[in-house]
């Protein structure tokens, strides 16, 4: 069974910001939407490995 997580993504000025609702501390900021998705994915995987 694969876990699912909720990413909240917002475009604010020149930046894309996002976070994972279910995992505190997983939040990122990037210049493009694609970069943000990739960074959120990497950051989530790292956070899950530490816990």
PDB file of N, CA and C in Angstrom:
ATOM      1  N   UNK A   1       0.844  -1.191   0.000  1.00  0.00           N
ATOM      2  CA  UNK A   1       0.000   0.000   0.000  1.00  0.00           C
ATOM      3  C   UNK A   1       0.880   1.243   0.000  1.00  0.00           C
ATOM      4  N   UNK A   2       0.568   2.164  -0.864  1.00  0.00           N
ATOM      5  CA  UNK A   2       1.348   3.393  -0.986  1.00  0.00           C
ATOM      6  C   UNK A   2       0.657   4.517  -0.213  1.00  0.00           C
ATOM      7  N   UNK A   3       1.435   5.246   0.591  1.00  0.00           N
ATOM      8  CA  UNK A   3       0.884   6.383   1.322  1.00  0.00           C
ATOM      9  C   UNK A   3       0.654   7.542   0.377  1.00  0.00           C
ATOM     10  N   UNK A   4      -0.379   8.317   0.677  1.00  0.00           N
ATOM     11  CA  UNK A   4      -0.660   9.525  -0.097  1.00  0.00           C
ATOM     12  C   UNK A   4      -0.560  10.725   0.824  1.00  0.00           C
ATOM     13  N   UNK A   5      -0.038  11.805   0.267  1.00  0.00           N
ATOM     14  CA  UNK A   5       0.138  13.034   1.034  1.00  0.00           C
ATOM     15  C   UNK A   5      -0.465  14.200   0.266  1.00  0.00           C
ATOM     16  N   UNK A   6      -0.848  15.231   1.003  1.00  0.00           N
ATOM     17  CA  UNK A   6      -1.471  16.407   0.406  1.00  0.00           C
ATOM     18  C   UNK A   6      -0.456  17.535   0.313  1.00  0.00           C
ATOM     19  N   UNK A   7      -0.150  17.952  -0.907  1.00  0.00           N
ATOM     20  CA  UNK A   7       0.741  19.094  -1.120  1.00  0.00           C
ATOM     21  C   UNK A   7      -0.106  20.339  -1.340  1.00  0.00           C
ATOM     22  N   UNK A   8       0.211  21.380  -0.590  1.00  0.00           N
ATOM     23  CA  UNK A   8      -0.426  22.680  -0.791  1.00  0.00           C
ATOM     24  C   UNK A   8       0.575  23.547  -1.537  1.00  0.00           C
ATOM     25  N   UNK A   9       0.172  24.097  -2.671  1.00  0.00           N
ATOM     26  CA  UNK A   9       1.080  24.857  -3.523  1.00  0.00           C
ATOM     27  C   UNK A   9       0.463  26.213  -3.830  1.00  0.00           C
ATOM     28  N   UNK A  10       1.261  27.260  -3.688  1.00  0.00           N
ATOM     29  CA  UNK A  10       0.790  28.623  -3.976  1.00  0.00           C
ATOM     30  C   UNK A  10       1.846  29.374  -4.782  1.00  0.00           C
ATOM     31  N   UNK A  11       1.376  30.212  -5.668  1.00  0.00           N
ATOM     32  CA  UNK A  11       2.270  31.077  -6.453  1.00  0.00           C
ATOM     33  C   UNK A  11       2.188  32.463  -5.833  1.00  0.00           C
ATOM     34  N   UNK A  12       3.296  32.906  -5.242  1.00  0.00           N
ATOM     35  CA  UNK A  12       3.313  34.199  -4.558  1.00  0.00           C
ATOM     36  C   UNK A  12       4.422  35.062  -5.144  1.00  0.00           C
ATOM     37  N   UNK A  13       4.036  36.060  -5.908  1.00  0.00           N
ATOM     38  CA  UNK A  13       5.024  36.916  -6.559  1.00  0.00           C
ATOM     39  C   UNK A  13       5.829  36.110  -7.554  1.00  0.00           C
ATOM     40  N   UNK A  14       7.150  36.139  -7.419  1.00  0.00           N
ATOM     41  CA  UNK A  14       8.030  35.396  -8.314  1.00  0.00           C
ATOM     42  C   UNK A  14       8.318  33.981  -7.817  1.00  0.00           C
ATOM     43  N   UNK A  15       7.741  33.599  -6.704  1.00  0.00           N
ATOM     44  CA  UNK A  15       8.077  32.315  -6.077  1.00  0.00           C
ATOM     45  C   UNK A  15       6.888  31.368  -6.043  1.00  0.00           C
ATOM     46  N   UNK A  16       7.193  30.078  -6.096  1.00  0.00           N
ATOM     47  CA  UNK A  16       6.235  29.019  -5.816  1.00  0.00           C
ATOM     48  C   UNK A  16       6.586  28.486  -4.434  1.00  0.00           C
ATOM     49  N   UNK A  17       5.594  28.425  -3.556  1.00  0.00           N
ATOM     50  CA  UNK A  17       5.812  27.894  -2.212  1.00  0.00           C
ATOM     51  C   UNK A  17       4.866  26.719  -1.993  1.00  0.00           C
ATOM     52  N   UNK A  18       5.312  25.756  -1.213  1.00  0.00           N
ATOM     53  CA  UNK A  18       4.464  24.605  -0.962  1.00  0.00           C
ATOM     54  C   UNK A  18       4.886  23.864   0.283  1.00  0.00           C
ATOM     55  N   UNK A  19       3.951  23.040   0.769  1.00  0.00           N
ATOM     56  CA  UNK A  19       4.233  22.221   1.936  1.00  0.00           C
ATOM     57  C   UNK A  19       3.356  20.979   1.892  1.00  0.00           C
ATOM     58  N   UNK A  20       3.734  20.003   2.699  1.00  0.00           N
ATOM     59  CA  UNK A  20       2.978  18.760   2.830  1.00  0.00           C
ATOM     60  C   UNK A  20       2.193  18.853   4.130  1.00  0.00           C
ATOM     61  N   UNK A  21       0.855  18.811   4.017  1.00  0.00           N
ATOM     62  CA  UNK A  21       0.005  19.016   5.192  1.00  0.00           C
ATOM     63  C   UNK A  21       0.241  17.985   6.292  1.00  0.00           C
ATOM     64  N   UNK A  22       0.455  16.747   5.931  1.00  0.00           N
ATOM     65  CA  UNK A  22       0.539  15.672   6.920  1.00  0.00           C
ATOM     66  C   UNK A  22       1.900  15.544   7.596  1.00  0.00           C
ATOM     67  N   UNK A  23       2.917  16.238   7.090  1.00  0.00           N
ATOM     68  CA  UNK A  23       4.269  16.090   7.640  1.00  0.00           C
ATOM     69  C   UNK A  23       4.829  17.471   7.990  1.00  0.00           C
ATOM     70  N   UNK A  24       4.769  17.844   9.266  1.00  0.00           N
ATOM     71  CA  UNK A  24       5.289  19.152   9.676  1.00  0.00           C
ATOM     72  C   UNK A  24       6.762  19.309   9.291  1.00  0.00           C
ATOM     73  N   UNK A  25       7.122  20.492   8.850  1.00  0.00           N
ATOM     74  CA  UNK A  25       8.509  20.780   8.508  1.00  0.00           C
ATOM     75  C   UNK A  25       8.856  20.559   7.049  1.00  0.00           C
ATOM     76  N   UNK A  26       7.950  19.942   6.292  1.00  0.00           N
ATOM     77  CA  UNK A  26       8.217  19.741   4.861  1.00  0.00           C
ATOM     78  C   UNK A  26       7.598  20.926   4.123  1.00  0.00           C
ATOM     79  N   UNK A  27       8.427  21.946   3.899  1.00  0.00           N
ATOM     80  CA  UNK A  27       7.985  23.121   3.156  1.00  0.00           C
ATOM     81  C   UNK A  27       9.142  23.611   2.302  1.00  0.00           C
ATOM     82  N   UNK A  28       8.803  24.135   1.124  1.00  0.00           N
ATOM     83  CA  UNK A  28       9.827  24.507   0.153  1.00  0.00           C
ATOM     84  C   UNK A  28       9.413  25.768  -0.599  1.00  0.00           C
ATOM     85  N   UNK A  29      10.402  26.357  -1.244  1.00  0.00           N
ATOM     86  CA  UNK A  29      10.187  27.553  -2.065  1.00  0.00           C
ATOM     87  C   UNK A  29      11.112  27.463  -3.270  1.00  0.00           C
ATOM     88  N   UNK A  30      10.552  27.645  -4.455  1.00  0.00           N
ATOM     89  CA  UNK A  30      11.336  27.581  -5.691  1.00  0.00           C
ATOM     90  C   UNK A  30      10.824  28.607  -6.691  1.00  0.00           C
ATOM     91  N   UNK A  31      11.606  28.840  -7.723  1.00  0.00           N
ATOM     92  CA  UNK A  31      11.225  29.807  -8.764  1.00  0.00           C
ATOM     93  C   UNK A  31      10.202  29.268  -9.752  1.00  0.00           C
ATOM     94  N   UNK A  32      10.194  27.933  -9.965  1.00  0.00           N
ATOM     95  CA  UNK A  32       9.238  27.356 -10.912  1.00  0.00           C
ATOM     96  C   UNK A  32       8.415  26.266 -10.235  1.00  0.00           C
ATOM     97  N   UNK A  33       7.251  26.005 -10.803  1.00  0.00           N
ATOM     98  CA  UNK A  33       6.362  24.971 -10.291  1.00  0.00           C
ATOM     99  C   UNK A  33       7.025  23.598 -10.366  1.00  0.00           C
ATOM    100  N   UNK A  34       7.682  23.313 -11.469  1.00  0.00           N
ATOM    101  CA  UNK A  34       8.349  22.016 -11.636  1.00  0.00           C
ATOM    102  C   UNK A  34       9.446  21.817 -10.596  1.00  0.00           C
ATOM    103  N   UNK A  35      10.242  22.861 -10.355  1.00  0.00           N
ATOM    104  CA  UNK A  35      11.298  22.770  -9.331  1.00  0.00           C
ATOM    105  C   UNK A  35      10.684  22.540  -7.948  1.00  0.00           C
ATOM    106  N   UNK A  36       9.574  23.213  -7.686  1.00  0.00           N
ATOM    107  CA  UNK A  36       8.918  23.062  -6.392  1.00  0.00           C
ATOM    108  C   UNK A  36       8.429  21.627  -6.200  1.00  0.00           C
ATOM    109  N   UNK A  37       7.802  21.049  -7.211  1.00  0.00           N
ATOM    110  CA  UNK A  37       7.329  19.665  -7.096  1.00  0.00           C
ATOM    111  C   UNK A  37       8.478  18.715  -6.796  1.00  0.00           C
ATOM    112  N   UNK A  38       9.584  18.896  -7.493  1.00  0.00           N
ATOM    113  CA  UNK A  38      10.749  18.027  -7.294  1.00  0.00           C
ATOM    114  C   UNK A  38      11.326  18.201  -5.887  1.00  0.00           C
ATOM    115  N   UNK A  39      11.461  19.446  -5.443  1.00  0.00           N
ATOM    116  CA  UNK A  39      12.027  19.718  -4.117  1.00  0.00           C
ATOM    117  C   UNK A  39      11.121  19.185  -3.013  1.00  0.00           C
ATOM    118  N   UNK A  40       9.805  19.339  -3.175  1.00  0.00           N
ATOM    119  CA  UNK A  40       8.877  18.798  -2.182  1.00  0.00           C
ATOM    120  C   UNK A  40       8.999  17.277  -2.104  1.00  0.00           C
ATOM    121  N   UNK A  41       9.122  16.629  -3.240  1.00  0.00           N
ATOM    122  CA  UNK A  41       9.262  15.175  -3.275  1.00  0.00           C
ATOM    123  C   UNK A  41      10.518  14.726  -2.538  1.00  0.00           C
ATOM    124  N   UNK A  42      11.637  15.359  -2.830  1.00  0.00           N
ATOM    125  CA  UNK A  42      12.911  15.007  -2.184  1.00  0.00           C
ATOM    126  C   UNK A  42      12.842  15.277  -0.683  1.00  0.00           C
ATOM    127  N   UNK A  43      12.296  16.425  -0.304  1.00  0.00           N
ATOM    128  CA  UNK A  43      12.227  16.809   1.109  1.00  0.00           C
ATOM    129  C   UNK A  43      11.306  15.863   1.876  1.00  0.00           C
ATOM    130  N   UNK A  44      10.191  15.464   1.268  1.00  0.00           N
ATOM    131  CA  UNK A  44       9.285  14.515   1.917  1.00  0.00           C
ATOM    132  C   UNK A  44       9.972  13.175   2.126  1.00  0.00           C
ATOM    133  N   UNK A  45      10.639  12.670   1.104  1.00  0.00           N
ATOM    134  CA  UNK A  45      11.337  11.387   1.234  1.00  0.00           C
ATOM    135  C   UNK A  45      12.387  11.448   2.343  1.00  0.00           C
ATOM    136  N   UNK A  46      13.137  12.532   2.423  1.00  0.00           N
ATOM    137  CA  UNK A  46      14.139  12.675   3.474  1.00  0.00           C
ATOM    138  C   UNK A  46      13.496  12.697   4.858  1.00  0.00           C
ATOM    139  N   UNK A  47      12.396  13.439   4.990  1.00  0.00           N
ATOM    140  CA  UNK A  47      11.713  13.538   6.296  1.00  0.00           C
ATOM    141  C   UNK A  47      11.188  12.173   6.716  1.00  0.00           C
ATOM    142  N   UNK A  48      10.648  11.404   5.796  1.00  0.00           N
ATOM    143  CA  UNK A  48      10.121  10.084   6.138  1.00  0.00           C
ATOM    144  C   UNK A  48      11.235   9.117   6.512  1.00  0.00           C
ATOM    145  N   UNK A  49      12.397   9.245   5.904  1.00  0.00           N
ATOM    146  CA  UNK A  49      13.543   8.395   6.236  1.00  0.00           C
ATOM    147  C   UNK A  49      14.043   8.659   7.651  1.00  0.00           C
ATOM    148  N   UNK A  50      13.980   9.911   8.093  1.00  0.00           N
ATOM    149  CA  UNK A  50      14.464  10.276   9.432  1.00  0.00           C
ATOM    150  C   UNK A  50      13.506   9.852  10.522  1.00  0.00           C
ATOM    151  N   UNK A  51      12.238   9.669  10.180  1.00  0.00           N
ATOM    152  CA  UNK A  51      11.236   9.312  11.203  1.00  0.00           C
ATOM    153  C   UNK A  51      10.947   7.872  11.221  1.00  0.00           C
TER     154      UNK A  51
END
